[in-house]
Structures are given as C-alpha cells and as structure tokens.
Amino acid sequence: MPGKVMHRVLDDLSLELEQAKARATARVAARHAAECAITALAAGRYSL
C-alpha cells in the first residue's frame, strides 16, 4: 500500500510540474505578443 501512495504522490507532483510549465510557456508567449504589438504601434504600422 505505501508504494501505491508514493506513486500517486509522484504522479500528482508530475502533473503539477507539467501544468506549471504550461502556465510559464503561456506567460512567455503572451509577453512576446505584447512586445510585438507595442513595437508595431511604436513603428506606426498600426494605430489604435
């Protein structure tokens, strides 16, 4: 039984790590998109 509990804990931690990596990737992508938009606005290619 203790082995099954440890396996479940490790599975849960692995899932949490994957979710954290996905959130970090999404943040980086959003930041990059915002930087591109700001650059385009500053260059006068688009206007609000």
PDB file of N, CA and C in Angstrom:
ATOM      1  N   MET A   1       0.816  -1.209   0.000  1.00  0.00           N
ATOM      2  CA  MET A   1       0.000   0.000   0.000  1.00  0.00           C
ATOM      3  C   MET A   1       0.859   1.273   0.000  1.00  0.00           C
ATOM      4  N   PRO A   2       1.915   1.377   0.835  1.00  0.00           N
ATOM      5  CA  PRO A   2       2.714   2.605   0.828  1.00  0.00           C
ATOM      6  C   PRO A   2       3.318   2.917  -0.543  1.00  0.00           C
ATOM      7  N   GLY A   3       3.656   1.892  -1.291  1.00  0.00           N
ATOM      8  CA  GLY A   3       4.201   2.102  -2.632  1.00  0.00           C
ATOM      9  C   GLY A   3       3.188   2.761  -3.554  1.00  0.00           C
ATOM     10  N   LYS A   4       1.928   2.339  -3.428  1.00  0.00           N
ATOM     11  CA  LYS A   4       0.872   2.929  -4.257  1.00  0.00           C
ATOM     12  C   LYS A   4       0.657   4.391  -3.900  1.00  0.00           C
ATOM     13  N   VAL A   5       0.726   4.685  -2.596  1.00  0.00           N
ATOM     14  CA  VAL A   5       0.551   6.076  -2.150  1.00  0.00           C
ATOM     15  C   VAL A   5       1.681   6.938  -2.704  1.00  0.00           C
ATOM     16  N   MET A   6       2.912   6.456  -2.607  1.00  0.00           N
ATOM     17  CA  MET A   6       4.059   7.214  -3.103  1.00  0.00           C
ATOM     18  C   MET A   6       3.947   7.416  -4.611  1.00  0.00           C
ATOM     19  N   HIS A   7       3.500   6.390  -5.322  1.00  0.00           N
ATOM     20  CA  HIS A   7       3.340   6.507  -6.773  1.00  0.00           C
ATOM     21  C   HIS A   7       2.305   7.575  -7.107  1.00  0.00           C
ATOM     22  N   ARG A   8       1.214   7.611  -6.349  1.00  0.00           N
ATOM     23  CA  ARG A   8       0.170   8.608  -6.583  1.00  0.00           C
ATOM     24  C   ARG A   8       0.684  10.023  -6.295  1.00  0.00           C
ATOM     25  N   VAL A   9       1.450  10.164  -5.223  1.00  0.00           N
ATOM     26  CA  VAL A   9       2.032  11.469  -4.886  1.00  0.00           C
ATOM     27  C   VAL A   9       2.957  11.934  -6.004  1.00  0.00           C
ATOM     28  N   LEU A  10       3.797  11.029  -6.495  1.00  0.00           N
ATOM     29  CA  LEU A  10       4.709  11.391  -7.583  1.00  0.00           C
ATOM     30  C   LEU A  10       3.938  11.746  -8.851  1.00  0.00           C
ATOM     31  N   ASP A  11       2.871  11.019  -9.145  1.00  0.00           N
ATOM     32  CA  ASP A  11       2.042  11.349 -10.306  1.00  0.00           C
ATOM     33  C   ASP A  11       1.428  12.742 -10.164  1.00  0.00           C
ATOM     34  N   ASP A  12       0.930  13.045  -8.953  1.00  0.00           N
ATOM     35  CA  ASP A  12       0.338  14.362  -8.703  1.00  0.00           C
ATOM     36  C   ASP A  12       1.373  15.468  -8.866  1.00  0.00           C
ATOM     37  N   LEU A  13       2.569  15.244  -8.334  1.00  0.00           N
ATOM     38  CA  LEU A  13       3.628  16.249  -8.456  1.00  0.00           C
ATOM     39  C   LEU A  13       4.051  16.431  -9.905  1.00  0.00           C
ATOM     40  N   SER A  14       4.103  15.331 -10.647  1.00  0.00           N
ATOM     41  CA  SER A  14       4.466  15.406 -12.055  1.00  0.00           C
ATOM     42  C   SER A  14       3.427  16.212 -12.830  1.00  0.00           C
ATOM     43  N   LEU A  15       2.160  15.983 -12.536  1.00  0.00           N
ATOM     44  CA  LEU A  15       1.082  16.727 -13.192  1.00  0.00           C
ATOM     45  C   LEU A  15       1.185  18.212 -12.854  1.00  0.00           C
ATOM     46  N   GLU A  16       1.439  18.528 -11.581  1.00  0.00           N
ATOM     47  CA  GLU A  16       1.578  19.928 -11.175  1.00  0.00           C
ATOM     48  C   GLU A  16       2.748  20.594 -11.892  1.00  0.00           C
ATOM     49  N   LEU A  17       3.843  19.871 -12.050  1.00  0.00           N
ATOM     50  CA  LEU A  17       5.005  20.413 -12.751  1.00  0.00           C
ATOM     51  C   LEU A  17       4.666  20.697 -14.209  1.00  0.00           C
ATOM     52  N   GLU A  18       3.995  19.769 -14.870  1.00  0.00           N
ATOM     53  CA  GLU A  18       3.603  19.977 -16.265  1.00  0.00           C
ATOM     54  C   GLU A  18       2.683  21.192 -16.403  1.00  0.00           C
ATOM     55  N   GLN A  19       1.745  21.335 -15.467  1.00  0.00           N
ATOM     56  CA  GLN A  19       0.824  22.481 -15.514  1.00  0.00           C
ATOM     57  C   GLN A  19       1.581  23.785 -15.290  1.00  0.00           C
ATOM     58  N   ALA A  20       2.531  23.781 -14.380  1.00  0.00           N
ATOM     59  CA  ALA A  20       3.326  24.985 -14.113  1.00  0.00           C
ATOM     60  C   ALA A  20       4.149  25.358 -15.343  1.00  0.00           C
ATOM     61  N   LYS A  21       4.715  24.351 -16.016  1.00  0.00           N
ATOM     62  CA  LYS A  21       5.482  24.629 -17.231  1.00  0.00           C
ATOM     63  C   LYS A  21       4.581  25.202 -18.317  1.00  0.00           C
ATOM     64  N   ALA A  22       3.360  24.670 -18.438  1.00  0.00           N
ATOM     65  CA  ALA A  22       2.421  25.181 -19.435  1.00  0.00           C
ATOM     66  C   ALA A  22       2.040  26.625 -19.137  1.00  0.00           C
ATOM     67  N   ARG A  23       1.815  26.943 -17.859  1.00  0.00           N
ATOM     68  CA  ARG A  23       1.484  28.325 -17.490  1.00  0.00           C
ATOM     69  C   ARG A  23       2.649  29.259 -17.790  1.00  0.00           C
ATOM     70  N   ALA A  24       3.865  28.820 -17.494  1.00  0.00           N
ATOM     71  CA  ALA A  24       5.043  29.648 -17.761  1.00  0.00           C
ATOM     72  C   ALA A  24       5.205  29.882 -19.257  1.00  0.00           C
ATOM     73  N   THR A  25       4.984  28.850 -20.049  1.00  0.00           N
ATOM     74  CA  THR A  25       5.078  28.984 -21.503  1.00  0.00           C
ATOM     75  C   THR A  25       4.028  29.964 -22.019  1.00  0.00           C
ATOM     76  N   ALA A  26       2.820  29.876 -21.489  1.00  0.00           N
ATOM     77  CA  ALA A  26       1.752  30.796 -21.896  1.00  0.00           C
ATOM     78  C   ALA A  26       2.103  32.235 -21.536  1.00  0.00           C
ATOM     79  N   ARG A  27       2.706  32.430 -20.355  1.00  0.00           N
ATOM     80  CA  ARG A  27       3.110  33.788 -19.951  1.00  0.00           C
ATOM     81  C   ARG A  27       4.164  34.338 -20.898  1.00  0.00           C
ATOM     82  N   VAL A  28       5.144  33.517 -21.253  1.00  0.00           N
ATOM     83  CA  VAL A  28       6.200  33.963 -22.167  1.00  0.00           C
ATOM     84  C   VAL A  28       5.600  34.312 -23.529  1.00  0.00           C
ATOM     85  N   ALA A  29       4.687  33.490 -24.015  1.00  0.00           N
ATOM     86  CA  ALA A  29       4.057  33.759 -25.309  1.00  0.00           C
ATOM     87  C   ALA A  29       3.238  35.049 -25.268  1.00  0.00           C
ATOM     88  N   ALA A  30       2.508  35.259 -24.179  1.00  0.00           N
ATOM     89  CA  ALA A  30       1.706  36.482 -24.046  1.00  0.00           C
ATOM     90  C   ALA A  30       2.611  37.712 -23.979  1.00  0.00           C
ATOM     91  N   ARG A  31       3.699  37.603 -23.253  1.00  0.00           N
ATOM     92  CA  ARG A  31       4.636  38.727 -23.155  1.00  0.00           C
ATOM     93  C   ARG A  31       5.233  39.043 -24.519  1.00  0.00           C
ATOM     94  N   HIS A  32       5.600  38.014 -25.260  1.00  0.00           N
ATOM     95  CA  HIS A  32       6.172  38.210 -26.590  1.00  0.00           C
ATOM     96  C   HIS A  32       5.158  38.876 -27.528  1.00  0.00           C
ATOM     97  N   ALA A  33       3.911  38.421 -27.474  1.00  0.00           N
ATOM     98  CA  ALA A  33       2.874  39.019 -28.316  1.00  0.00           C
ATOM     99  C   ALA A  33       2.672  40.487 -27.960  1.00  0.00           C
ATOM    100  N   ALA A  34       2.684  40.799 -26.669  1.00  0.00           N
ATOM    101  CA  ALA A  34       2.525  42.195 -26.240  1.00  0.00           C
ATOM    102  C   ALA A  34       3.699  43.045 -26.711  1.00  0.00           C
ATOM    103  N   GLU A  35       4.897  42.516 -26.612  1.00  0.00           N
ATOM    104  CA  GLU A  35       6.074  43.260 -27.069  1.00  0.00           C
ATOM    105  C   GLU A  35       6.012  43.512 -28.573  1.00  0.00           C
ATOM    106  N   CYS A  36       5.561  42.525 -29.322  1.00  0.00           N
ATOM    107  CA  CYS A  36       5.424  42.697 -30.779  1.00  0.00           C
ATOM    108  C   CYS A  36       4.379  43.761 -31.098  1.00  0.00           C
ATOM    109  N   ALA A  37       3.267  43.736 -30.389  1.00  0.00           N
ATOM    110  CA  ALA A  37       2.208  44.719 -30.625  1.00  0.00           C
ATOM    111  C   ALA A  37       2.691  46.122 -30.289  1.00  0.00           C
ATOM    112  N   ILE A  38       3.398  46.269 -29.178  1.00  0.00           N
ATOM    113  CA  ILE A  38       3.917  47.584 -28.783  1.00  0.00           C
ATOM    114  C   ILE A  38       4.921  48.085 -29.813  1.00  0.00           C
ATOM    115  N   THR A  39       5.778  47.191 -30.284  1.00  0.00           N
ATOM    116  CA  THR A  39       6.762  47.568 -31.298  1.00  0.00           C
ATOM    117  C   THR A  39       6.073  48.017 -32.586  1.00  0.00           C
ATOM    118  N   ALA A  40       5.043  47.272 -32.995  1.00  0.00           N
ATOM    119  CA  ALA A  40       4.315  47.636 -34.218  1.00  0.00           C
ATOM    120  C   ALA A  40       3.620  48.986 -34.053  1.00  0.00           C
ATOM    121  N   LEU A  41       3.022  49.219 -32.907  1.00  0.00           N
ATOM    122  CA  LEU A  41       2.366  50.514 -32.651  1.00  0.00           C
ATOM    123  C   LEU A  41       3.394  51.644 -32.659  1.00  0.00           C
ATOM    124  N   ALA A  42       4.521  51.400 -32.010  1.00  0.00           N
ATOM    125  CA  ALA A  42       5.562  52.427 -31.933  1.00  0.00           C
ATOM    126  C   ALA A  42       6.140  52.735 -33.310  1.00  0.00           C
ATOM    127  N   ALA A  43       6.205  51.746 -34.171  1.00  0.00           N
ATOM    128  CA  ALA A  43       6.750  51.941 -35.512  1.00  0.00           C
ATOM    129  C   ALA A  43       5.732  52.595 -36.434  1.00  0.00           C
ATOM    130  N   GLY A  44       4.508  52.766 -35.958  1.00  0.00           N
ATOM    131  CA  GLY A  44       3.488  53.425 -36.761  1.00  0.00           C
ATOM    132  C   GLY A  44       2.823  52.529 -37.780  1.00  0.00           C
ATOM    133  N   ARG A  45       3.032  51.236 -37.662  1.00  0.00           N
ATOM    134  CA  ARG A  45       2.413  50.320 -38.628  1.00  0.00           C
ATOM    135  C   ARG A  45       0.928  50.147 -38.354  1.00  0.00           C
ATOM    136  N   TYR A  46       0.541  50.332 -37.114  1.00  0.00           N
ATOM    137  CA  TYR A  46      -0.860  50.196 -36.738  1.00  0.00           C
ATOM    138  C   TYR A  46      -1.230  51.354 -35.831  1.00  0.00           C
ATOM    139  N   SER A  47      -2.488  51.642 -35.756  1.00  0.00           N
ATOM    140  CA  SER A  47      -2.926  52.676 -34.824  1.00  0.00           C
ATOM    141  C   SER A  47      -4.145  52.165 -34.071  1.00  0.00           C
ATOM    142  N   LEU A  48      -4.347  52.716 -32.889  1.00  0.00           N
ATOM    143  CA  LEU A  48      -5.497  52.324 -32.093  1.00  0.00           C
ATOM    144  C   LEU A  48      -6.616  53.190 -32.458  1.00  0.00           C
TER     145      LEU A  48
END
